[in-house]
Amino acid sequence: MSERTLISPAQLGRTRGKIAYWTVLAVVVIGFTVVFLGPLYWMVANGLKSTAEFTQVPPTVVPDSLHADNYSAAWKVMDLAKLLFNTLYYAFGALAFQLVLDVAAAYSLSKLRPVFGKAVLGMMLATLMIPATVLVVPQYLTVLDMPLIERNLLNTPWVIWLPSVTNAFNIFLLKRFFDSIPGEILDAAAIDGASSLRTLRSVVLPMSRPVLGVVSIFAIVGVWKDFLWPMLTLPDPALQTLNVGIYSLARGVPENHLVAALAMASAPTLIIFLIFQRNIMSGLTAGSLKG
């Protein structure tokens, strides 16, 4: 039984139907390309303009002359190398903590089945319905005077790493994948004498590479694009992330240099997506084993 569509195969086979089909397809593809790539092109092009051309009204779509030195000047003046190092340090630290703690939490909820595990999972998922801005104040008060250790975590990497671990979406994503692993595989490992930790390390994790890749990308991008939380908790200019550092130095920098800095700050996440887009989709859809 064939599926019904807006245009029947007979109409699509006619010359008029083909023209209409390809016209609509071209308009949709070009429209989405302009919507998604237009802002990126505009940012990169404005970074190549001179200061006079940047402020010109109406603006030029294509720069009259290319000033690639705007990017090198923005790199030096805004000390983007230091800001980039800080951001990478926080991002990979958050990644390490998430891979260890979130994987352990998801594995315990999926395979170890602790008491009140479903209630804990439900409360974790309920936090996804709370806007992130609502949690800023209680989180800030917590890191300002950390319970038990009674220590101020401001201007330390822990103020970025610890909140990133409490990622309910990543834990749910990992748990869903672990649920799809047949119990017979874990039972076979237990018969061979493997403990739960050994089973996780030697059996489950090698099978979980797709979803671990997705969680890794989400962890890095999450720290990279965050602005409000680092701005509140990292007031020291020497410790700020890329987004916060550019914002702090925006007033004393020409606008075309500022746009060039923003373009360079956006490039790494775009490159990560373009390289790993297939891994992201395969990891999100991974949830079953054949055979």
C-alpha atoms as a PDB file:
ATOM      1  CA  MET A   1       0.000   0.000   0.000  1.00  0.00           C
ATOM      2  CA  SER A   2       1.553   3.293  -1.135  1.00  0.00           C
ATOM      3  CA  GLU A   3       1.515   6.357   1.072  1.00  0.00           C
ATOM      4  CA  ARG A   4      -0.649   9.296   0.073  1.00  0.00           C
ATOM      5  CA  THR A   5       1.086  12.612  -0.510  1.00  0.00           C
ATOM      6  CA  LEU A   6       0.023  16.102  -1.559  1.00  0.00           C
ATOM      7  CA  ILE A   7       1.110  15.366  -5.127  1.00  0.00           C
ATOM      8  CA  SER A   8       0.310  12.000  -6.615  1.00  0.00           C
ATOM      9  CA  PRO A   9       2.992  10.062  -8.567  1.00  0.00           C
ATOM     10  CA  ALA A  10       0.992  10.614 -11.763  1.00  0.00           C
ATOM     11  CA  GLN A  11       0.962  14.385 -11.303  1.00  0.00           C
ATOM     12  CA  LEU A  12       4.629  14.382 -10.345  1.00  0.00           C
ATOM     13  CA  GLY A  13       5.453  12.521 -13.543  1.00  0.00           C
ATOM     14  CA  ARG A  14       4.034  15.291 -15.701  1.00  0.00           C
ATOM     15  CA  THR A  15       6.125  18.222 -16.851  1.00  0.00           C
ATOM     16  CA  ARG A  16       4.068  20.749 -14.886  1.00  0.00           C
ATOM     17  CA  GLY A  17       4.300  18.622 -11.747  1.00  0.00           C
ATOM     18  CA  LYS A  18       8.083  18.322 -12.043  1.00  0.00           C
ATOM     19  CA  ILE A  19       8.461  22.067 -12.496  1.00  0.00           C
ATOM     20  CA  ALA A  20       6.282  22.759  -9.449  1.00  0.00           C
ATOM     21  CA  TYR A  21       8.141  20.169  -7.360  1.00  0.00           C
ATOM     22  CA  TRP A  22      11.628  21.443  -8.160  1.00  0.00           C
ATOM     23  CA  THR A  23      10.542  25.057  -7.768  1.00  0.00           C
ATOM     24  CA  VAL A  24       9.149  24.453  -4.296  1.00  0.00           C
ATOM     25  CA  LEU A  25      12.211  22.394  -3.349  1.00  0.00           C
ATOM     26  CA  ALA A  26      14.601  25.099  -4.538  1.00  0.00           C
ATOM     27  CA  VAL A  27      12.693  27.847  -2.686  1.00  0.00           C
ATOM     28  CA  VAL A  28      12.655  25.838   0.566  1.00  0.00           C
ATOM     29  CA  VAL A  29      16.350  24.898   0.364  1.00  0.00           C
ATOM     30  CA  ILE A  30      17.458  28.434  -0.529  1.00  0.00           C
ATOM     31  CA  GLY A  31      15.194  29.926   2.150  1.00  0.00           C
ATOM     32  CA  PHE A  32      16.525  27.703   4.927  1.00  0.00           C
ATOM     33  CA  THR A  33      20.099  28.270   3.725  1.00  0.00           C
ATOM     34  CA  VAL A  34      19.655  32.031   3.941  1.00  0.00           C
ATOM     35  CA  VAL A  35      17.994  31.829   7.364  1.00  0.00           C
ATOM     36  CA  PHE A  36      20.694  29.637   8.920  1.00  0.00           C
ATOM     37  CA  LEU A  37      23.829  30.698   7.057  1.00  0.00           C
ATOM     38  CA  GLY A  38      22.904  34.339   6.516  1.00  0.00           C
ATOM     39  CA  PRO A  39      23.760  35.500  10.069  1.00  0.00           C
ATOM     40  CA  LEU A  40      27.046  33.600   9.958  1.00  0.00           C
ATOM     41  CA  TYR A  41      28.022  35.199   6.659  1.00  0.00           C
ATOM     42  CA  TRP A  42      26.989  38.623   7.937  1.00  0.00           C
ATOM     43  CA  MET A  43      29.154  38.214  11.037  1.00  0.00           C
ATOM     44  CA  VAL A  44      32.226  37.061   9.106  1.00  0.00           C
ATOM     45  CA  ALA A  45      31.787  39.723   6.414  1.00  0.00           C
ATOM     46  CA  ASN A  46      31.400  42.555   8.937  1.00  0.00           C
ATOM     47  CA  GLY A  47      34.577  41.405  10.611  1.00  0.00           C
ATOM     48  CA  LEU A  48      36.396  41.980   7.311  1.00  0.00           C
ATOM     49  CA  LYS A  49      35.146  45.547   6.825  1.00  0.00           C
ATOM     50  CA  SER A  50      36.924  48.744   7.719  1.00  0.00           C
ATOM     51  CA  THR A  51      35.519  50.878  10.544  1.00  0.00           C
ATOM     52  CA  ALA A  52      34.080  53.410   8.081  1.00  0.00           C
ATOM     53  CA  GLU A  53      32.416  50.740   5.957  1.00  0.00           C
ATOM     54  CA  PHE A  54      31.100  48.954   9.056  1.00  0.00           C
ATOM     55  CA  THR A  55      29.177  52.077  10.122  1.00  0.00           C
ATOM     56  CA  GLN A  56      27.991  52.855   6.605  1.00  0.00           C
ATOM     57  CA  VAL A  57      24.227  53.210   6.056  1.00  0.00           C
ATOM     58  CA  PRO A  58      22.870  51.329   4.206  1.00  0.00           C
ATOM     59  CA  PRO A  59      25.324  48.517   4.934  1.00  0.00           C
ATOM     60  CA  THR A  60      27.188  46.734   2.168  1.00  0.00           C
ATOM     61  CA  VAL A  61      26.443  43.065   1.633  1.00  0.00           C
ATOM     62  CA  VAL A  62      29.909  42.345   0.238  1.00  0.00           C
ATOM     63  CA  PRO A  63      32.893  44.212   1.743  1.00  0.00           C
ATOM     64  CA  ASP A  64      34.461  46.721  -0.651  1.00  0.00           C
ATOM     65  CA  SER A  65      37.911  45.706   0.588  1.00  0.00           C
ATOM     66  CA  LEU A  66      38.948  42.857   2.820  1.00  0.00           C
ATOM     67  CA  HIS A  67      40.670  43.741   6.082  1.00  0.00           C
ATOM     68  CA  ALA A  68      41.810  40.367   7.379  1.00  0.00           C
ATOM     69  CA  ASP A  69      44.031  42.159   9.874  1.00  0.00           C
ATOM     70  CA  ASN A  70      40.861  42.898  11.891  1.00  0.00           C
ATOM     71  CA  TYR A  71      40.916  39.287  13.060  1.00  0.00           C
ATOM     72  CA  SER A  72      44.565  39.327  14.083  1.00  0.00           C
ATOM     73  CA  ALA A  73      44.087  42.683  15.829  1.00  0.00           C
ATOM     74  CA  ALA A  74      41.050  41.376  17.722  1.00  0.00           C
ATOM     75  CA  TRP A  75      43.001  38.246  18.692  1.00  0.00           C
ATOM     76  CA  LYS A  76      45.801  40.302  20.211  1.00  0.00           C
ATOM     77  CA  VAL A  77      43.842  43.194  21.731  1.00  0.00           C
ATOM     78  CA  MET A  78      41.229  41.010  23.406  1.00  0.00           C
ATOM     79  CA  ASP A  79      43.765  38.325  24.369  1.00  0.00           C
ATOM     80  CA  LEU A  80      41.610  35.614  22.835  1.00  0.00           C
ATOM     81  CA  ALA A  81      44.344  33.011  23.309  1.00  0.00           C
ATOM     82  CA  LYS A  82      44.025  33.290  27.096  1.00  0.00           C
ATOM     83  CA  LEU A  83      40.238  33.304  26.974  1.00  0.00           C
ATOM     84  CA  LEU A  84      40.267  30.313  24.641  1.00  0.00           C
ATOM     85  CA  PHE A  85      42.554  28.378  26.981  1.00  0.00           C
ATOM     86  CA  ASN A  86      40.293  29.154  29.947  1.00  0.00           C
ATOM     87  CA  THR A  87      37.214  27.987  28.068  1.00  0.00           C
ATOM     88  CA  LEU A  88      38.857  24.754  26.916  1.00  0.00           C
ATOM     89  CA  TYR A  89      40.075  24.103  30.468  1.00  0.00           C
ATOM     90  CA  TYR A  90      36.587  24.498  31.909  1.00  0.00           C
ATOM     91  CA  ALA A  91      34.948  22.561  29.056  1.00  0.00           C
ATOM     92  CA  PHE A  92      37.171  19.488  29.233  1.00  0.00           C
ATOM     93  CA  GLY A  93      37.070  19.509  33.023  1.00  0.00           C
ATOM     94  CA  ALA A  94      33.274  19.487  32.883  1.00  0.00           C
ATOM     95  CA  LEU A  95      33.458  16.710  30.304  1.00  0.00           C
ATOM     96  CA  ALA A  96      35.622  14.552  32.577  1.00  0.00           C
ATOM     97  CA  PHE A  97      33.294  14.959  35.539  1.00  0.00           C
ATOM     98  CA  GLN A  98      30.198  14.255  33.445  1.00  0.00           C
ATOM     99  CA  LEU A  99      31.645  11.125  31.877  1.00  0.00           C
ATOM    100  CA  VAL A 100      32.503   9.724  35.302  1.00  0.00           C
ATOM    101  CA  LEU A 101      29.571  10.798  37.469  1.00  0.00           C
ATOM    102  CA  ASP A 102      26.734  10.918  34.922  1.00  0.00           C
ATOM    103  CA  VAL A 103      27.673   7.507  33.523  1.00  0.00           C
ATOM    104  CA  ALA A 104      27.773   6.056  37.045  1.00  0.00           C
ATOM    105  CA  ALA A 105      24.378   7.572  37.883  1.00  0.00           C
ATOM    106  CA  ALA A 106      22.768   6.376  34.644  1.00  0.00           C
ATOM    107  CA  TYR A 107      24.228   2.871  34.963  1.00  0.00           C
ATOM    108  CA  SER A 108      23.042   2.500  38.545  1.00  0.00           C
ATOM    109  CA  LEU A 109      19.530   3.667  37.650  1.00  0.00           C
ATOM    110  CA  SER A 110      19.388   1.391  34.610  1.00  0.00           C
ATOM    111  CA  LYS A 111      21.045  -1.860  35.687  1.00  0.00           C
ATOM    112  CA  LEU A 112      21.615  -1.816  39.449  1.00  0.00           C
ATOM    113  CA  ARG A 113      18.018  -0.751  40.175  1.00  0.00           C
ATOM    114  CA  PRO A 114      18.518   0.970  43.557  1.00  0.00           C
ATOM    115  CA  VAL A 115      15.694   1.536  46.039  1.00  0.00           C
ATOM    116  CA  PHE A 116      13.556   4.548  45.031  1.00  0.00           C
ATOM    117  CA  GLY A 117      15.447   4.644  41.715  1.00  0.00           C
ATOM    118  CA  LYS A 118      12.330   5.533  39.754  1.00  0.00           C
ATOM    119  CA  ALA A 119      11.495   8.334  42.183  1.00  0.00           C
ATOM    120  CA  VAL A 120      15.010   9.720  41.894  1.00  0.00           C
ATOM    121  CA  LEU A 121      14.835   9.582  38.086  1.00  0.00           C
ATOM    122  CA  GLY A 122      11.444  11.288  38.131  1.00  0.00           C
ATOM    123  CA  MET A 123      12.714  14.119  40.307  1.00  0.00           C
ATOM    124  CA  MET A 124      15.746  14.515  38.056  1.00  0.00           C
ATOM    125  CA  LEU A 125      13.585  14.742  34.949  1.00  0.00           C
ATOM    126  CA  ALA A 126      11.310  17.221  36.713  1.00  0.00           C
ATOM    127  CA  THR A 127      14.240  19.635  36.891  1.00  0.00           C
ATOM    128  CA  LEU A 128      14.186  19.827  33.083  1.00  0.00           C
ATOM    129  CA  MET A 129      10.887  21.728  33.346  1.00  0.00           C
ATOM    130  CA  ILE A 130      12.461  24.432  35.515  1.00  0.00           C
ATOM    131  CA  PRO A 131      13.973  27.345  33.539  1.00  0.00           C
ATOM    132  CA  ALA A 132      17.718  27.611  34.017  1.00  0.00           C
ATOM    133  CA  THR A 133      17.475  31.277  35.036  1.00  0.00           C
ATOM    134  CA  VAL A 134      15.286  30.327  38.005  1.00  0.00           C
ATOM    135  CA  LEU A 135      18.111  28.210  39.419  1.00  0.00           C
ATOM    136  CA  VAL A 136      20.770  30.916  39.115  1.00  0.00           C
ATOM    137  CA  VAL A 137      20.127  32.525  42.514  1.00  0.00           C
ATOM    138  CA  PRO A 138      20.068  29.311  44.626  1.00  0.00           C
ATOM    139  CA  GLN A 139      23.097  27.977  42.760  1.00  0.00           C
ATOM    140  CA  TYR A 140      24.982  31.226  43.318  1.00  0.00           C
ATOM    141  CA  LEU A 141      24.194  31.208  47.044  1.00  0.00           C
ATOM    142  CA  THR A 142      25.346  27.590  47.197  1.00  0.00           C
ATOM    143  CA  VAL A 143      28.743  28.192  45.591  1.00  0.00           C
ATOM    144  CA  LEU A 144      29.163  31.406  47.595  1.00  0.00           C
ATOM    145  CA  ASP A 145      29.234  29.330  50.788  1.00  0.00           C
ATOM    146  CA  MET A 146      29.529  25.683  49.853  1.00  0.00           C
ATOM    147  CA  PRO A 147      27.710  23.452  52.362  1.00  0.00           C
ATOM    148  CA  LEU A 148      29.783  21.072  54.507  1.00  0.00           C
ATOM    149  CA  ILE A 149      33.150  22.413  53.374  1.00  0.00           C
ATOM    150  CA  GLU A 150      32.080  26.064  53.991  1.00  0.00           C
ATOM    151  CA  ARG A 151      34.223  27.421  51.177  1.00  0.00           C
ATOM    152  CA  ASN A 152      33.688  30.141  48.596  1.00  0.00           C
ATOM    153  CA  LEU A 153      34.028  28.615  45.117  1.00  0.00           C
ATOM    154  CA  LEU A 154      33.916  31.867  43.127  1.00  0.00           C
ATOM    155  CA  ASN A 155      36.836  32.327  40.731  1.00  0.00           C
ATOM    156  CA  THR A 156      37.638  28.609  40.853  1.00  0.00           C
ATOM    157  CA  PRO A 157      37.100  25.940  38.162  1.00  0.00           C
ATOM    158  CA  TRP A 158      34.796  24.065  40.546  1.00  0.00           C
ATOM    159  CA  VAL A 159      32.140  26.733  40.093  1.00  0.00           C
ATOM    160  CA  ILE A 160      31.835  25.604  36.464  1.00  0.00           C
ATOM    161  CA  TRP A 161      32.488  21.897  36.872  1.00  0.00           C
ATOM    162  CA  LEU A 162      30.143  21.028  39.733  1.00  0.00           C
ATOM    163  CA  PRO A 163      26.908  22.520  38.304  1.00  0.00           C
ATOM    164  CA  SER A 164      27.635  20.934  34.930  1.00  0.00           C
ATOM    165  CA  VAL A 165      27.537  17.456  36.478  1.00  0.00           C
ATOM    166  CA  THR A 166      23.876  17.841  37.463  1.00  0.00           C
ATOM    167  CA  ASN A 167      22.713  17.362  33.883  1.00  0.00           C
ATOM    168  CA  ALA A 168      19.445  15.455  33.952  1.00  0.00           C
ATOM    169  CA  PHE A 169      19.189  15.280  30.158  1.00  0.00           C
ATOM    170  CA  ASN A 170      22.566  13.581  29.753  1.00  0.00           C
ATOM    171  CA  ILE A 171      21.796  11.135  32.560  1.00  0.00           C
ATOM    172  CA  PHE A 172      18.459  10.271  30.956  1.00  0.00           C
ATOM    173  CA  LEU A 173      20.123   9.888  27.544  1.00  0.00           C
ATOM    174  CA  LEU A 174      22.711   7.516  28.981  1.00  0.00           C
ATOM    175  CA  LYS A 175      20.114   5.573  30.971  1.00  0.00           C
ATOM    176  CA  ARG A 176      17.956   5.083  27.898  1.00  0.00           C
ATOM    177  CA  PHE A 177      20.926   3.616  26.044  1.00  0.00           C
ATOM    178  CA  PHE A 178      21.907   1.373  28.955  1.00  0.00           C
ATOM    179  CA  ASP A 179      18.313   0.120  29.120  1.00  0.00           C
ATOM    180  CA  SER A 180      18.644  -1.114  25.535  1.00  0.00           C
ATOM    181  CA  ILE A 181      21.624  -3.348  26.343  1.00  0.00           C
ATOM    182  CA  PRO A 182      20.322  -6.933  26.700  1.00  0.00           C
ATOM    183  CA  GLY A 183      20.505  -8.346  30.191  1.00  0.00           C
ATOM    184  CA  GLU A 184      21.952 -11.592  28.805  1.00  0.00           C
ATOM    185  CA  ILE A 185      25.221  -9.800  28.041  1.00  0.00           C
ATOM    186  CA  LEU A 186      25.522  -8.580  31.622  1.00  0.00           C
ATOM    187  CA  ASP A 187      24.532 -12.000  32.956  1.00  0.00           C
ATOM    188  CA  ALA A 188      27.282 -13.609  30.879  1.00  0.00           C
ATOM    189  CA  ALA A 189      29.811 -11.173  32.312  1.00  0.00           C
ATOM    190  CA  ALA A 190      28.587 -11.946  35.848  1.00  0.00           C
ATOM    191  CA  ILE A 191      28.935 -15.705  35.214  1.00  0.00           C
ATOM    192  CA  ASP A 192      32.533 -15.088  34.153  1.00  0.00           C
ATOM    193  CA  GLY A 193      33.114 -13.473  37.554  1.00  0.00           C
ATOM    194  CA  ALA A 194      33.055  -9.811  36.523  1.00  0.00           C
ATOM    195  CA  SER A 195      31.889  -7.357  39.157  1.00  0.00           C
ATOM    196  CA  SER A 196      29.421  -4.577  38.379  1.00  0.00           C
ATOM    197  CA  LEU A 197      32.270  -2.077  38.006  1.00  0.00           C
ATOM    198  CA  ARG A 198      34.236  -4.439  35.749  1.00  0.00           C
ATOM    199  CA  THR A 199      31.132  -5.067  33.653  1.00  0.00           C
ATOM    200  CA  LEU A 200      30.614  -1.341  33.252  1.00  0.00           C
ATOM    201  CA  ARG A 201      34.235  -0.722  32.295  1.00  0.00           C
ATOM    202  CA  SER A 202      34.845  -3.725  30.024  1.00  0.00           C
ATOM    203  CA  VAL A 203      31.414  -4.460  28.527  1.00  0.00           C
ATOM    204  CA  VAL A 204      29.013  -1.531  28.764  1.00  0.00           C
ATOM    205  CA  LEU A 205      31.306   1.417  28.006  1.00  0.00           C
ATOM    206  CA  PRO A 206      32.817  -0.072  24.803  1.00  0.00           C
ATOM    207  CA  MET A 207      29.275  -0.641  23.527  1.00  0.00           C
ATOM    208  CA  SER A 208      28.255   2.899  24.487  1.00  0.00           C
ATOM    209  CA  ARG A 209      30.686   4.870  22.326  1.00  0.00           C
ATOM    210  CA  PRO A 210      27.978   6.552  20.197  1.00  0.00           C
ATOM    211  CA  VAL A 211      26.032   7.951  23.150  1.00  0.00           C
ATOM    212  CA  LEU A 212      29.228   8.833  25.017  1.00  0.00           C
ATOM    213  CA  GLY A 213      30.289  10.861  21.995  1.00  0.00           C
ATOM    214  CA  VAL A 214      27.000  12.754  22.053  1.00  0.00           C
ATOM    215  CA  VAL A 215      27.280  13.453  25.777  1.00  0.00           C
ATOM    216  CA  SER A 216      30.842  14.659  25.267  1.00  0.00           C
ATOM    217  CA  ILE A 217      29.808  17.099  22.555  1.00  0.00           C
ATOM    218  CA  PHE A 218      26.896  18.378  24.642  1.00  0.00           C
ATOM    219  CA  ALA A 219      29.177  18.859  27.649  1.00  0.00           C
ATOM    220  CA  ILE A 220      31.763  20.884  25.727  1.00  0.00           C
ATOM    221  CA  VAL A 221      29.228  22.990  23.833  1.00  0.00           C
ATOM    222  CA  GLY A 222      27.242  23.608  27.020  1.00  0.00           C
ATOM    223  CA  VAL A 223      30.228  25.213  28.743  1.00  0.00           C
ATOM    224  CA  TRP A 224      31.318  26.989  25.561  1.00  0.00           C
ATOM    225  CA  LYS A 225      28.031  28.782  24.966  1.00  0.00           C
ATOM    226  CA  ASP A 226      27.187  29.568  28.591  1.00  0.00           C
ATOM    227  CA  PHE A 227      27.322  33.256  29.451  1.00  0.00           C
ATOM    228  CA  LEU A 228      25.272  34.232  32.502  1.00  0.00           C
ATOM    229  CA  TRP A 229      26.702  31.739  34.981  1.00  0.00           C
ATOM    230  CA  PRO A 230      30.414  32.368  34.170  1.00  0.00           C
ATOM    231  CA  MET A 231      29.785  36.111  34.220  1.00  0.00           C
ATOM    232  CA  LEU A 232      28.412  35.890  37.777  1.00  0.00           C
ATOM    233  CA  THR A 233      30.883  33.411  39.204  1.00  0.00           C
ATOM    234  CA  LEU A 234      34.145  34.352  37.437  1.00  0.00           C
ATOM    235  CA  PRO A 235      34.582  38.111  38.003  1.00  0.00           C
ATOM    236  CA  ASP A 236      38.373  37.880  37.723  1.00  0.00           C
ATOM    237  CA  PRO A 237      39.281  38.914  34.112  1.00  0.00           C
ATOM    238  CA  ALA A 238      42.187  36.451  34.064  1.00  0.00           C
ATOM    239  CA  LEU A 239      39.817  33.513  34.670  1.00  0.00           C
ATOM    240  CA  GLN A 240      36.902  34.432  32.422  1.00  0.00           C
ATOM    241  CA  THR A 241      35.591  32.351  29.545  1.00  0.00           C
ATOM    242  CA  LEU A 242      35.571  33.405  25.917  1.00  0.00           C
ATOM    243  CA  ASN A 243      32.037  34.820  25.873  1.00  0.00           C
ATOM    244  CA  VAL A 244      32.393  36.731  29.129  1.00  0.00           C
ATOM    245  CA  GLY A 245      35.833  38.061  28.230  1.00  0.00           C
ATOM    246  CA  ILE A 246      34.650  39.417  24.885  1.00  0.00           C
ATOM    247  CA  TYR A 247      31.675  41.059  26.576  1.00  0.00           C
ATOM    248  CA  SER A 248      33.903  42.651  29.237  1.00  0.00           C
ATOM    249  CA  LEU A 249      36.263  44.142  26.639  1.00  0.00           C
ATOM    250  CA  ALA A 250      33.582  45.167  24.140  1.00  0.00           C
ATOM    251  CA  ARG A 251      33.478  48.846  25.123  1.00  0.00           C
ATOM    252  CA  GLY A 252      37.104  49.630  24.346  1.00  0.00           C
ATOM    253  CA  VAL A 253      37.308  47.814  21.007  1.00  0.00           C
ATOM    254  CA  PRO A 254      36.158  48.981  17.530  1.00  0.00           C
ATOM    255  CA  GLU A 255      32.935  47.324  16.473  1.00  0.00           C
ATOM    256  CA  ASN A 256      34.426  45.594  13.436  1.00  0.00           C
ATOM    257  CA  HIS A 257      37.116  44.074  15.683  1.00  0.00           C
ATOM    258  CA  LEU A 258      34.419  42.989  18.129  1.00  0.00           C
ATOM    259  CA  VAL A 259      32.481  41.224  15.380  1.00  0.00           C
ATOM    260  CA  ALA A 260      35.680  39.544  14.229  1.00  0.00           C
ATOM    261  CA  ALA A 261      36.242  38.279  17.782  1.00  0.00           C
ATOM    262  CA  LEU A 262      32.684  36.944  17.910  1.00  0.00           C
ATOM    263  CA  ALA A 263      33.217  35.143  14.612  1.00  0.00           C
ATOM    264  CA  MET A 264      36.361  33.464  15.939  1.00  0.00           C
ATOM    265  CA  ALA A 265      34.564  32.528  19.165  1.00  0.00           C
ATOM    266  CA  SER A 266      31.747  30.889  17.176  1.00  0.00           C
ATOM    267  CA  ALA A 267      34.014  28.937  14.843  1.00  0.00           C
ATOM    268  CA  PRO A 268      34.999  26.021  17.159  1.00  0.00           C
ATOM    269  CA  THR A 269      31.435  24.964  17.964  1.00  0.00           C
ATOM    270  CA  LEU A 270      30.454  25.163  14.287  1.00  0.00           C
ATOM    271  CA  ILE A 271      33.438  23.040  13.321  1.00  0.00           C
ATOM    272  CA  ILE A 272      32.566  20.481  16.005  1.00  0.00           C
ATOM    273  CA  PHE A 273      29.009  20.231  14.697  1.00  0.00           C
ATOM    274  CA  LEU A 274      30.069  19.903  11.046  1.00  0.00           C
ATOM    275  CA  ILE A 275      32.586  17.166  11.873  1.00  0.00           C
ATOM    276  CA  PHE A 276      30.467  15.173  14.324  1.00  0.00           C
ATOM    277  CA  GLN A 277      26.932  15.760  13.030  1.00  0.00           C
ATOM    278  CA  ARG A 278      26.582  12.112  11.978  1.00  0.00           C
ATOM    279  CA  ASN A 279      27.836  10.959  15.370  1.00  0.00           C
ATOM    280  CA  ILE A 280      25.333  13.240  17.094  1.00  0.00           C
ATOM    281  CA  MET A 281      22.395  11.836  15.142  1.00  0.00           C
ATOM    282  CA  SER A 282      23.532   8.224  15.496  1.00  0.00           C
ATOM    283  CA  GLY A 283      24.097   8.681  19.214  1.00  0.00           C
ATOM    284  CA  LEU A 284      20.683  10.250  19.761  1.00  0.00           C
ATOM    285  CA  THR A 285      18.925   7.482  17.851  1.00  0.00           C
ATOM    286  CA  ALA A 286      21.033   4.638  19.280  1.00  0.00           C
ATOM    287  CA  GLY A 287      18.880   2.565  21.542  1.00  0.00           C
ATOM    288  CA  SER A 288      18.690  -0.980  20.276  1.00  0.00           C
ATOM    289  CA  LEU A 289      20.973  -3.867  19.477  1.00  0.00           C
ATOM    290  CA  LYS A 290      20.489  -6.376  16.724  1.00  0.00           C
ATOM    291  CA  GLY A 291      21.407  -9.988  16.914  1.00  0.00           C
END
